[in-house]
Amino acid sequence: MAEAYLSAKRYVYIWADGIHLQARLEDEKQCILVLIGATPEGRKELVGFTDGARESAQD
């Protein structure tokens, strides 16, 4: 994940999840790790994302 300054942000809850996508005709799935933060006002914001480990079709 790229570094960001979050000291000015306030989140009451943060969700972390992995989304598996299969791109093109590859046998492996790509995992995208995503962080979503909920503000005190109830708004959801994308905190960050990055690529994760690959999952083979044999799993």
N, C-alpha and C. Protein backbone atom coordinates (compact mmCIF):
# COMPACT_ATOMS: atom_id res chain seq x y z
N MET A 1 0.83 -1.18 0.00
CA MET A 1 0.00 0.00 0.00
C MET A 1 0.87 1.24 0.00
N ALA A 2 0.47 2.20 -0.75
CA ALA A 2 1.20 3.46 -0.76
C ALA A 2 0.98 4.17 0.57
N GLU A 3 2.01 4.84 1.03
CA GLU A 3 1.90 5.55 2.31
C GLU A 3 1.06 6.80 2.14
N ALA A 4 0.24 7.06 3.14
CA ALA A 4 -0.59 8.27 3.15
C ALA A 4 -0.64 8.79 4.58
N TYR A 5 -0.83 10.08 4.69
CA TYR A 5 -0.93 10.67 6.02
C TYR A 5 -2.39 10.66 6.45
N LEU A 6 -2.69 9.83 7.44
CA LEU A 6 -4.07 9.69 7.90
C LEU A 6 -4.27 10.32 9.27
N SER A 7 -3.29 11.07 9.76
CA SER A 7 -3.40 11.65 11.09
C SER A 7 -4.56 12.65 11.18
N ALA A 8 -4.95 13.26 10.07
CA ALA A 8 -6.06 14.21 10.08
C ALA A 8 -7.40 13.51 9.92
N LYS A 9 -7.39 12.22 9.64
CA LYS A 9 -8.62 11.44 9.44
C LYS A 9 -9.03 10.76 10.73
N ARG A 10 -10.32 10.55 10.89
CA ARG A 10 -10.84 9.82 12.04
C ARG A 10 -11.86 8.81 11.54
N TYR A 11 -11.59 7.54 11.82
CA TYR A 11 -12.50 6.48 11.42
C TYR A 11 -12.97 5.77 12.68
N VAL A 12 -14.27 5.49 12.72
CA VAL A 12 -14.82 4.76 13.87
C VAL A 12 -14.81 3.26 13.60
N TYR A 13 -14.61 2.89 12.35
CA TYR A 13 -14.55 1.47 11.99
C TYR A 13 -13.77 1.35 10.69
N ILE A 14 -12.98 0.28 10.56
CA ILE A 14 -12.24 0.02 9.32
C ILE A 14 -12.48 -1.43 8.92
N TRP A 15 -12.89 -1.62 7.67
CA TRP A 15 -13.06 -2.95 7.10
C TRP A 15 -11.84 -3.29 6.27
N ALA A 16 -11.38 -4.52 6.38
CA ALA A 16 -10.30 -5.03 5.54
C ALA A 16 -10.82 -6.28 4.85
N ASP A 17 -10.65 -6.35 3.54
CA ASP A 17 -11.17 -7.50 2.80
C ASP A 17 -10.28 -7.78 1.60
N GLY A 18 -10.30 -9.01 1.17
CA GLY A 18 -9.60 -9.41 -0.05
C GLY A 18 -10.61 -9.76 -1.12
N ILE A 19 -10.42 -9.22 -2.31
CA ILE A 19 -11.31 -9.49 -3.43
C ILE A 19 -10.51 -10.27 -4.47
N HIS A 20 -11.00 -11.46 -4.83
CA HIS A 20 -10.29 -12.29 -5.81
C HIS A 20 -10.88 -12.08 -7.20
N LEU A 21 -10.01 -11.75 -8.14
CA LEU A 21 -10.41 -11.51 -9.52
C LEU A 21 -9.62 -12.41 -10.44
N GLN A 22 -10.28 -12.91 -11.47
CA GLN A 22 -9.56 -13.68 -12.48
C GLN A 22 -9.50 -12.82 -13.74
N ALA A 23 -8.30 -12.44 -14.10
CA ALA A 23 -8.11 -11.56 -15.25
C ALA A 23 -7.72 -12.38 -16.48
N ARG A 24 -8.28 -12.03 -17.58
CA ARG A 24 -7.96 -12.63 -18.88
C ARG A 24 -8.12 -14.15 -18.83
N LEU A 25 -7.19 -14.86 -19.42
CA LEU A 25 -7.28 -16.32 -19.48
C LEU A 25 -6.28 -17.00 -18.56
N GLU A 26 -5.78 -16.28 -17.57
CA GLU A 26 -4.81 -16.85 -16.64
C GLU A 26 -5.46 -17.87 -15.72
N ASP A 27 -4.68 -18.85 -15.29
CA ASP A 27 -5.18 -19.86 -14.36
C ASP A 27 -5.20 -19.35 -12.92
N GLU A 28 -4.44 -18.32 -12.65
CA GLU A 28 -4.34 -17.80 -11.28
C GLU A 28 -5.28 -16.63 -11.08
N LYS A 29 -5.82 -16.53 -9.88
CA LYS A 29 -6.65 -15.39 -9.51
C LYS A 29 -5.78 -14.36 -8.82
N GLN A 30 -6.09 -13.10 -9.03
CA GLN A 30 -5.37 -12.00 -8.38
C GLN A 30 -6.19 -11.55 -7.18
N CYS A 31 -5.54 -11.34 -6.06
CA CYS A 31 -6.21 -10.85 -4.86
C CYS A 31 -5.90 -9.37 -4.68
N ILE A 32 -6.93 -8.57 -4.50
CA ILE A 32 -6.78 -7.15 -4.21
C ILE A 32 -7.20 -6.96 -2.76
N LEU A 33 -6.30 -6.43 -1.94
CA LEU A 33 -6.59 -6.16 -0.54
C LEU A 33 -7.11 -4.73 -0.44
N VAL A 34 -8.27 -4.56 0.23
CA VAL A 34 -8.95 -3.26 0.27
C VAL A 34 -9.24 -2.88 1.72
N LEU A 35 -9.03 -1.59 2.05
CA LEU A 35 -9.40 -1.04 3.36
C LEU A 35 -10.43 0.06 3.16
N ILE A 36 -11.56 -0.05 3.86
CA ILE A 36 -12.63 0.96 3.82
C ILE A 36 -12.81 1.47 5.24
N GLY A 37 -12.87 2.78 5.39
CA GLY A 37 -13.07 3.39 6.71
C GLY A 37 -14.42 4.06 6.81
N ALA A 38 -15.05 3.98 7.97
CA ALA A 38 -16.32 4.66 8.24
C ALA A 38 -16.04 5.87 9.13
N THR A 39 -16.47 7.04 8.68
CA THR A 39 -16.26 8.27 9.44
C THR A 39 -17.32 8.39 10.54
N PRO A 40 -17.12 9.27 11.52
CA PRO A 40 -18.13 9.47 12.57
C PRO A 40 -19.48 9.92 12.00
N GLU A 41 -19.46 10.54 10.81
CA GLU A 41 -20.71 10.99 10.18
C GLU A 41 -21.42 9.86 9.43
N GLY A 42 -20.80 8.68 9.36
CA GLY A 42 -21.41 7.54 8.69
C GLY A 42 -21.02 7.39 7.23
N ARG A 43 -20.12 8.20 6.75
CA ARG A 43 -19.67 8.12 5.36
C ARG A 43 -18.57 7.07 5.24
N LYS A 44 -18.59 6.31 4.17
CA LYS A 44 -17.55 5.30 3.92
C LYS A 44 -16.54 5.87 2.94
N GLU A 45 -15.25 5.66 3.22
CA GLU A 45 -14.17 6.16 2.37
C GLU A 45 -13.18 5.04 2.08
N LEU A 46 -12.65 5.05 0.87
CA LEU A 46 -11.59 4.12 0.52
C LEU A 46 -10.31 4.60 1.20
N VAL A 47 -9.77 3.78 2.09
CA VAL A 47 -8.54 4.13 2.81
C VAL A 47 -7.32 3.72 1.98
N GLY A 48 -7.39 2.55 1.36
CA GLY A 48 -6.27 2.10 0.54
C GLY A 48 -6.54 0.74 -0.07
N PHE A 49 -5.68 0.37 -1.02
CA PHE A 49 -5.75 -0.95 -1.63
C PHE A 49 -4.39 -1.31 -2.21
N THR A 50 -4.15 -2.60 -2.36
CA THR A 50 -2.90 -3.10 -2.94
C THR A 50 -3.14 -4.51 -3.47
N ASP A 51 -2.25 -4.98 -4.32
CA ASP A 51 -2.38 -6.35 -4.80
C ASP A 51 -1.84 -7.30 -3.74
N GLY A 52 -2.45 -8.47 -3.67
CA GLY A 52 -2.07 -9.44 -2.66
C GLY A 52 -1.53 -10.71 -3.28
N ALA A 53 -1.56 -11.78 -2.52
CA ALA A 53 -1.04 -13.08 -2.98
C ALA A 53 -1.93 -13.65 -4.06
N ARG A 54 -1.35 -14.46 -4.89
CA ARG A 54 -2.11 -15.13 -5.95
C ARG A 54 -2.64 -16.46 -5.45
N GLU A 55 -3.77 -16.87 -6.01
CA GLU A 55 -4.39 -18.13 -5.67
C GLU A 55 -4.45 -18.96 -6.94
N SER A 56 -3.93 -20.19 -6.90
CA SER A 56 -3.92 -21.00 -8.12
C SER A 56 -5.29 -21.64 -8.34
N ALA A 57 -5.54 -22.09 -9.55
CA ALA A 57 -6.81 -22.72 -9.90
C ALA A 57 -6.95 -24.08 -9.23
N GLN A 58 -5.86 -24.66 -8.73
CA GLN A 58 -5.89 -25.97 -8.10
C GLN A 58 -6.38 -25.90 -6.66
N ASP A 59 -6.42 -24.72 -6.05
CA ASP A 59 -6.84 -24.58 -4.64
C ASP A 59 -8.32 -24.79 -4.49
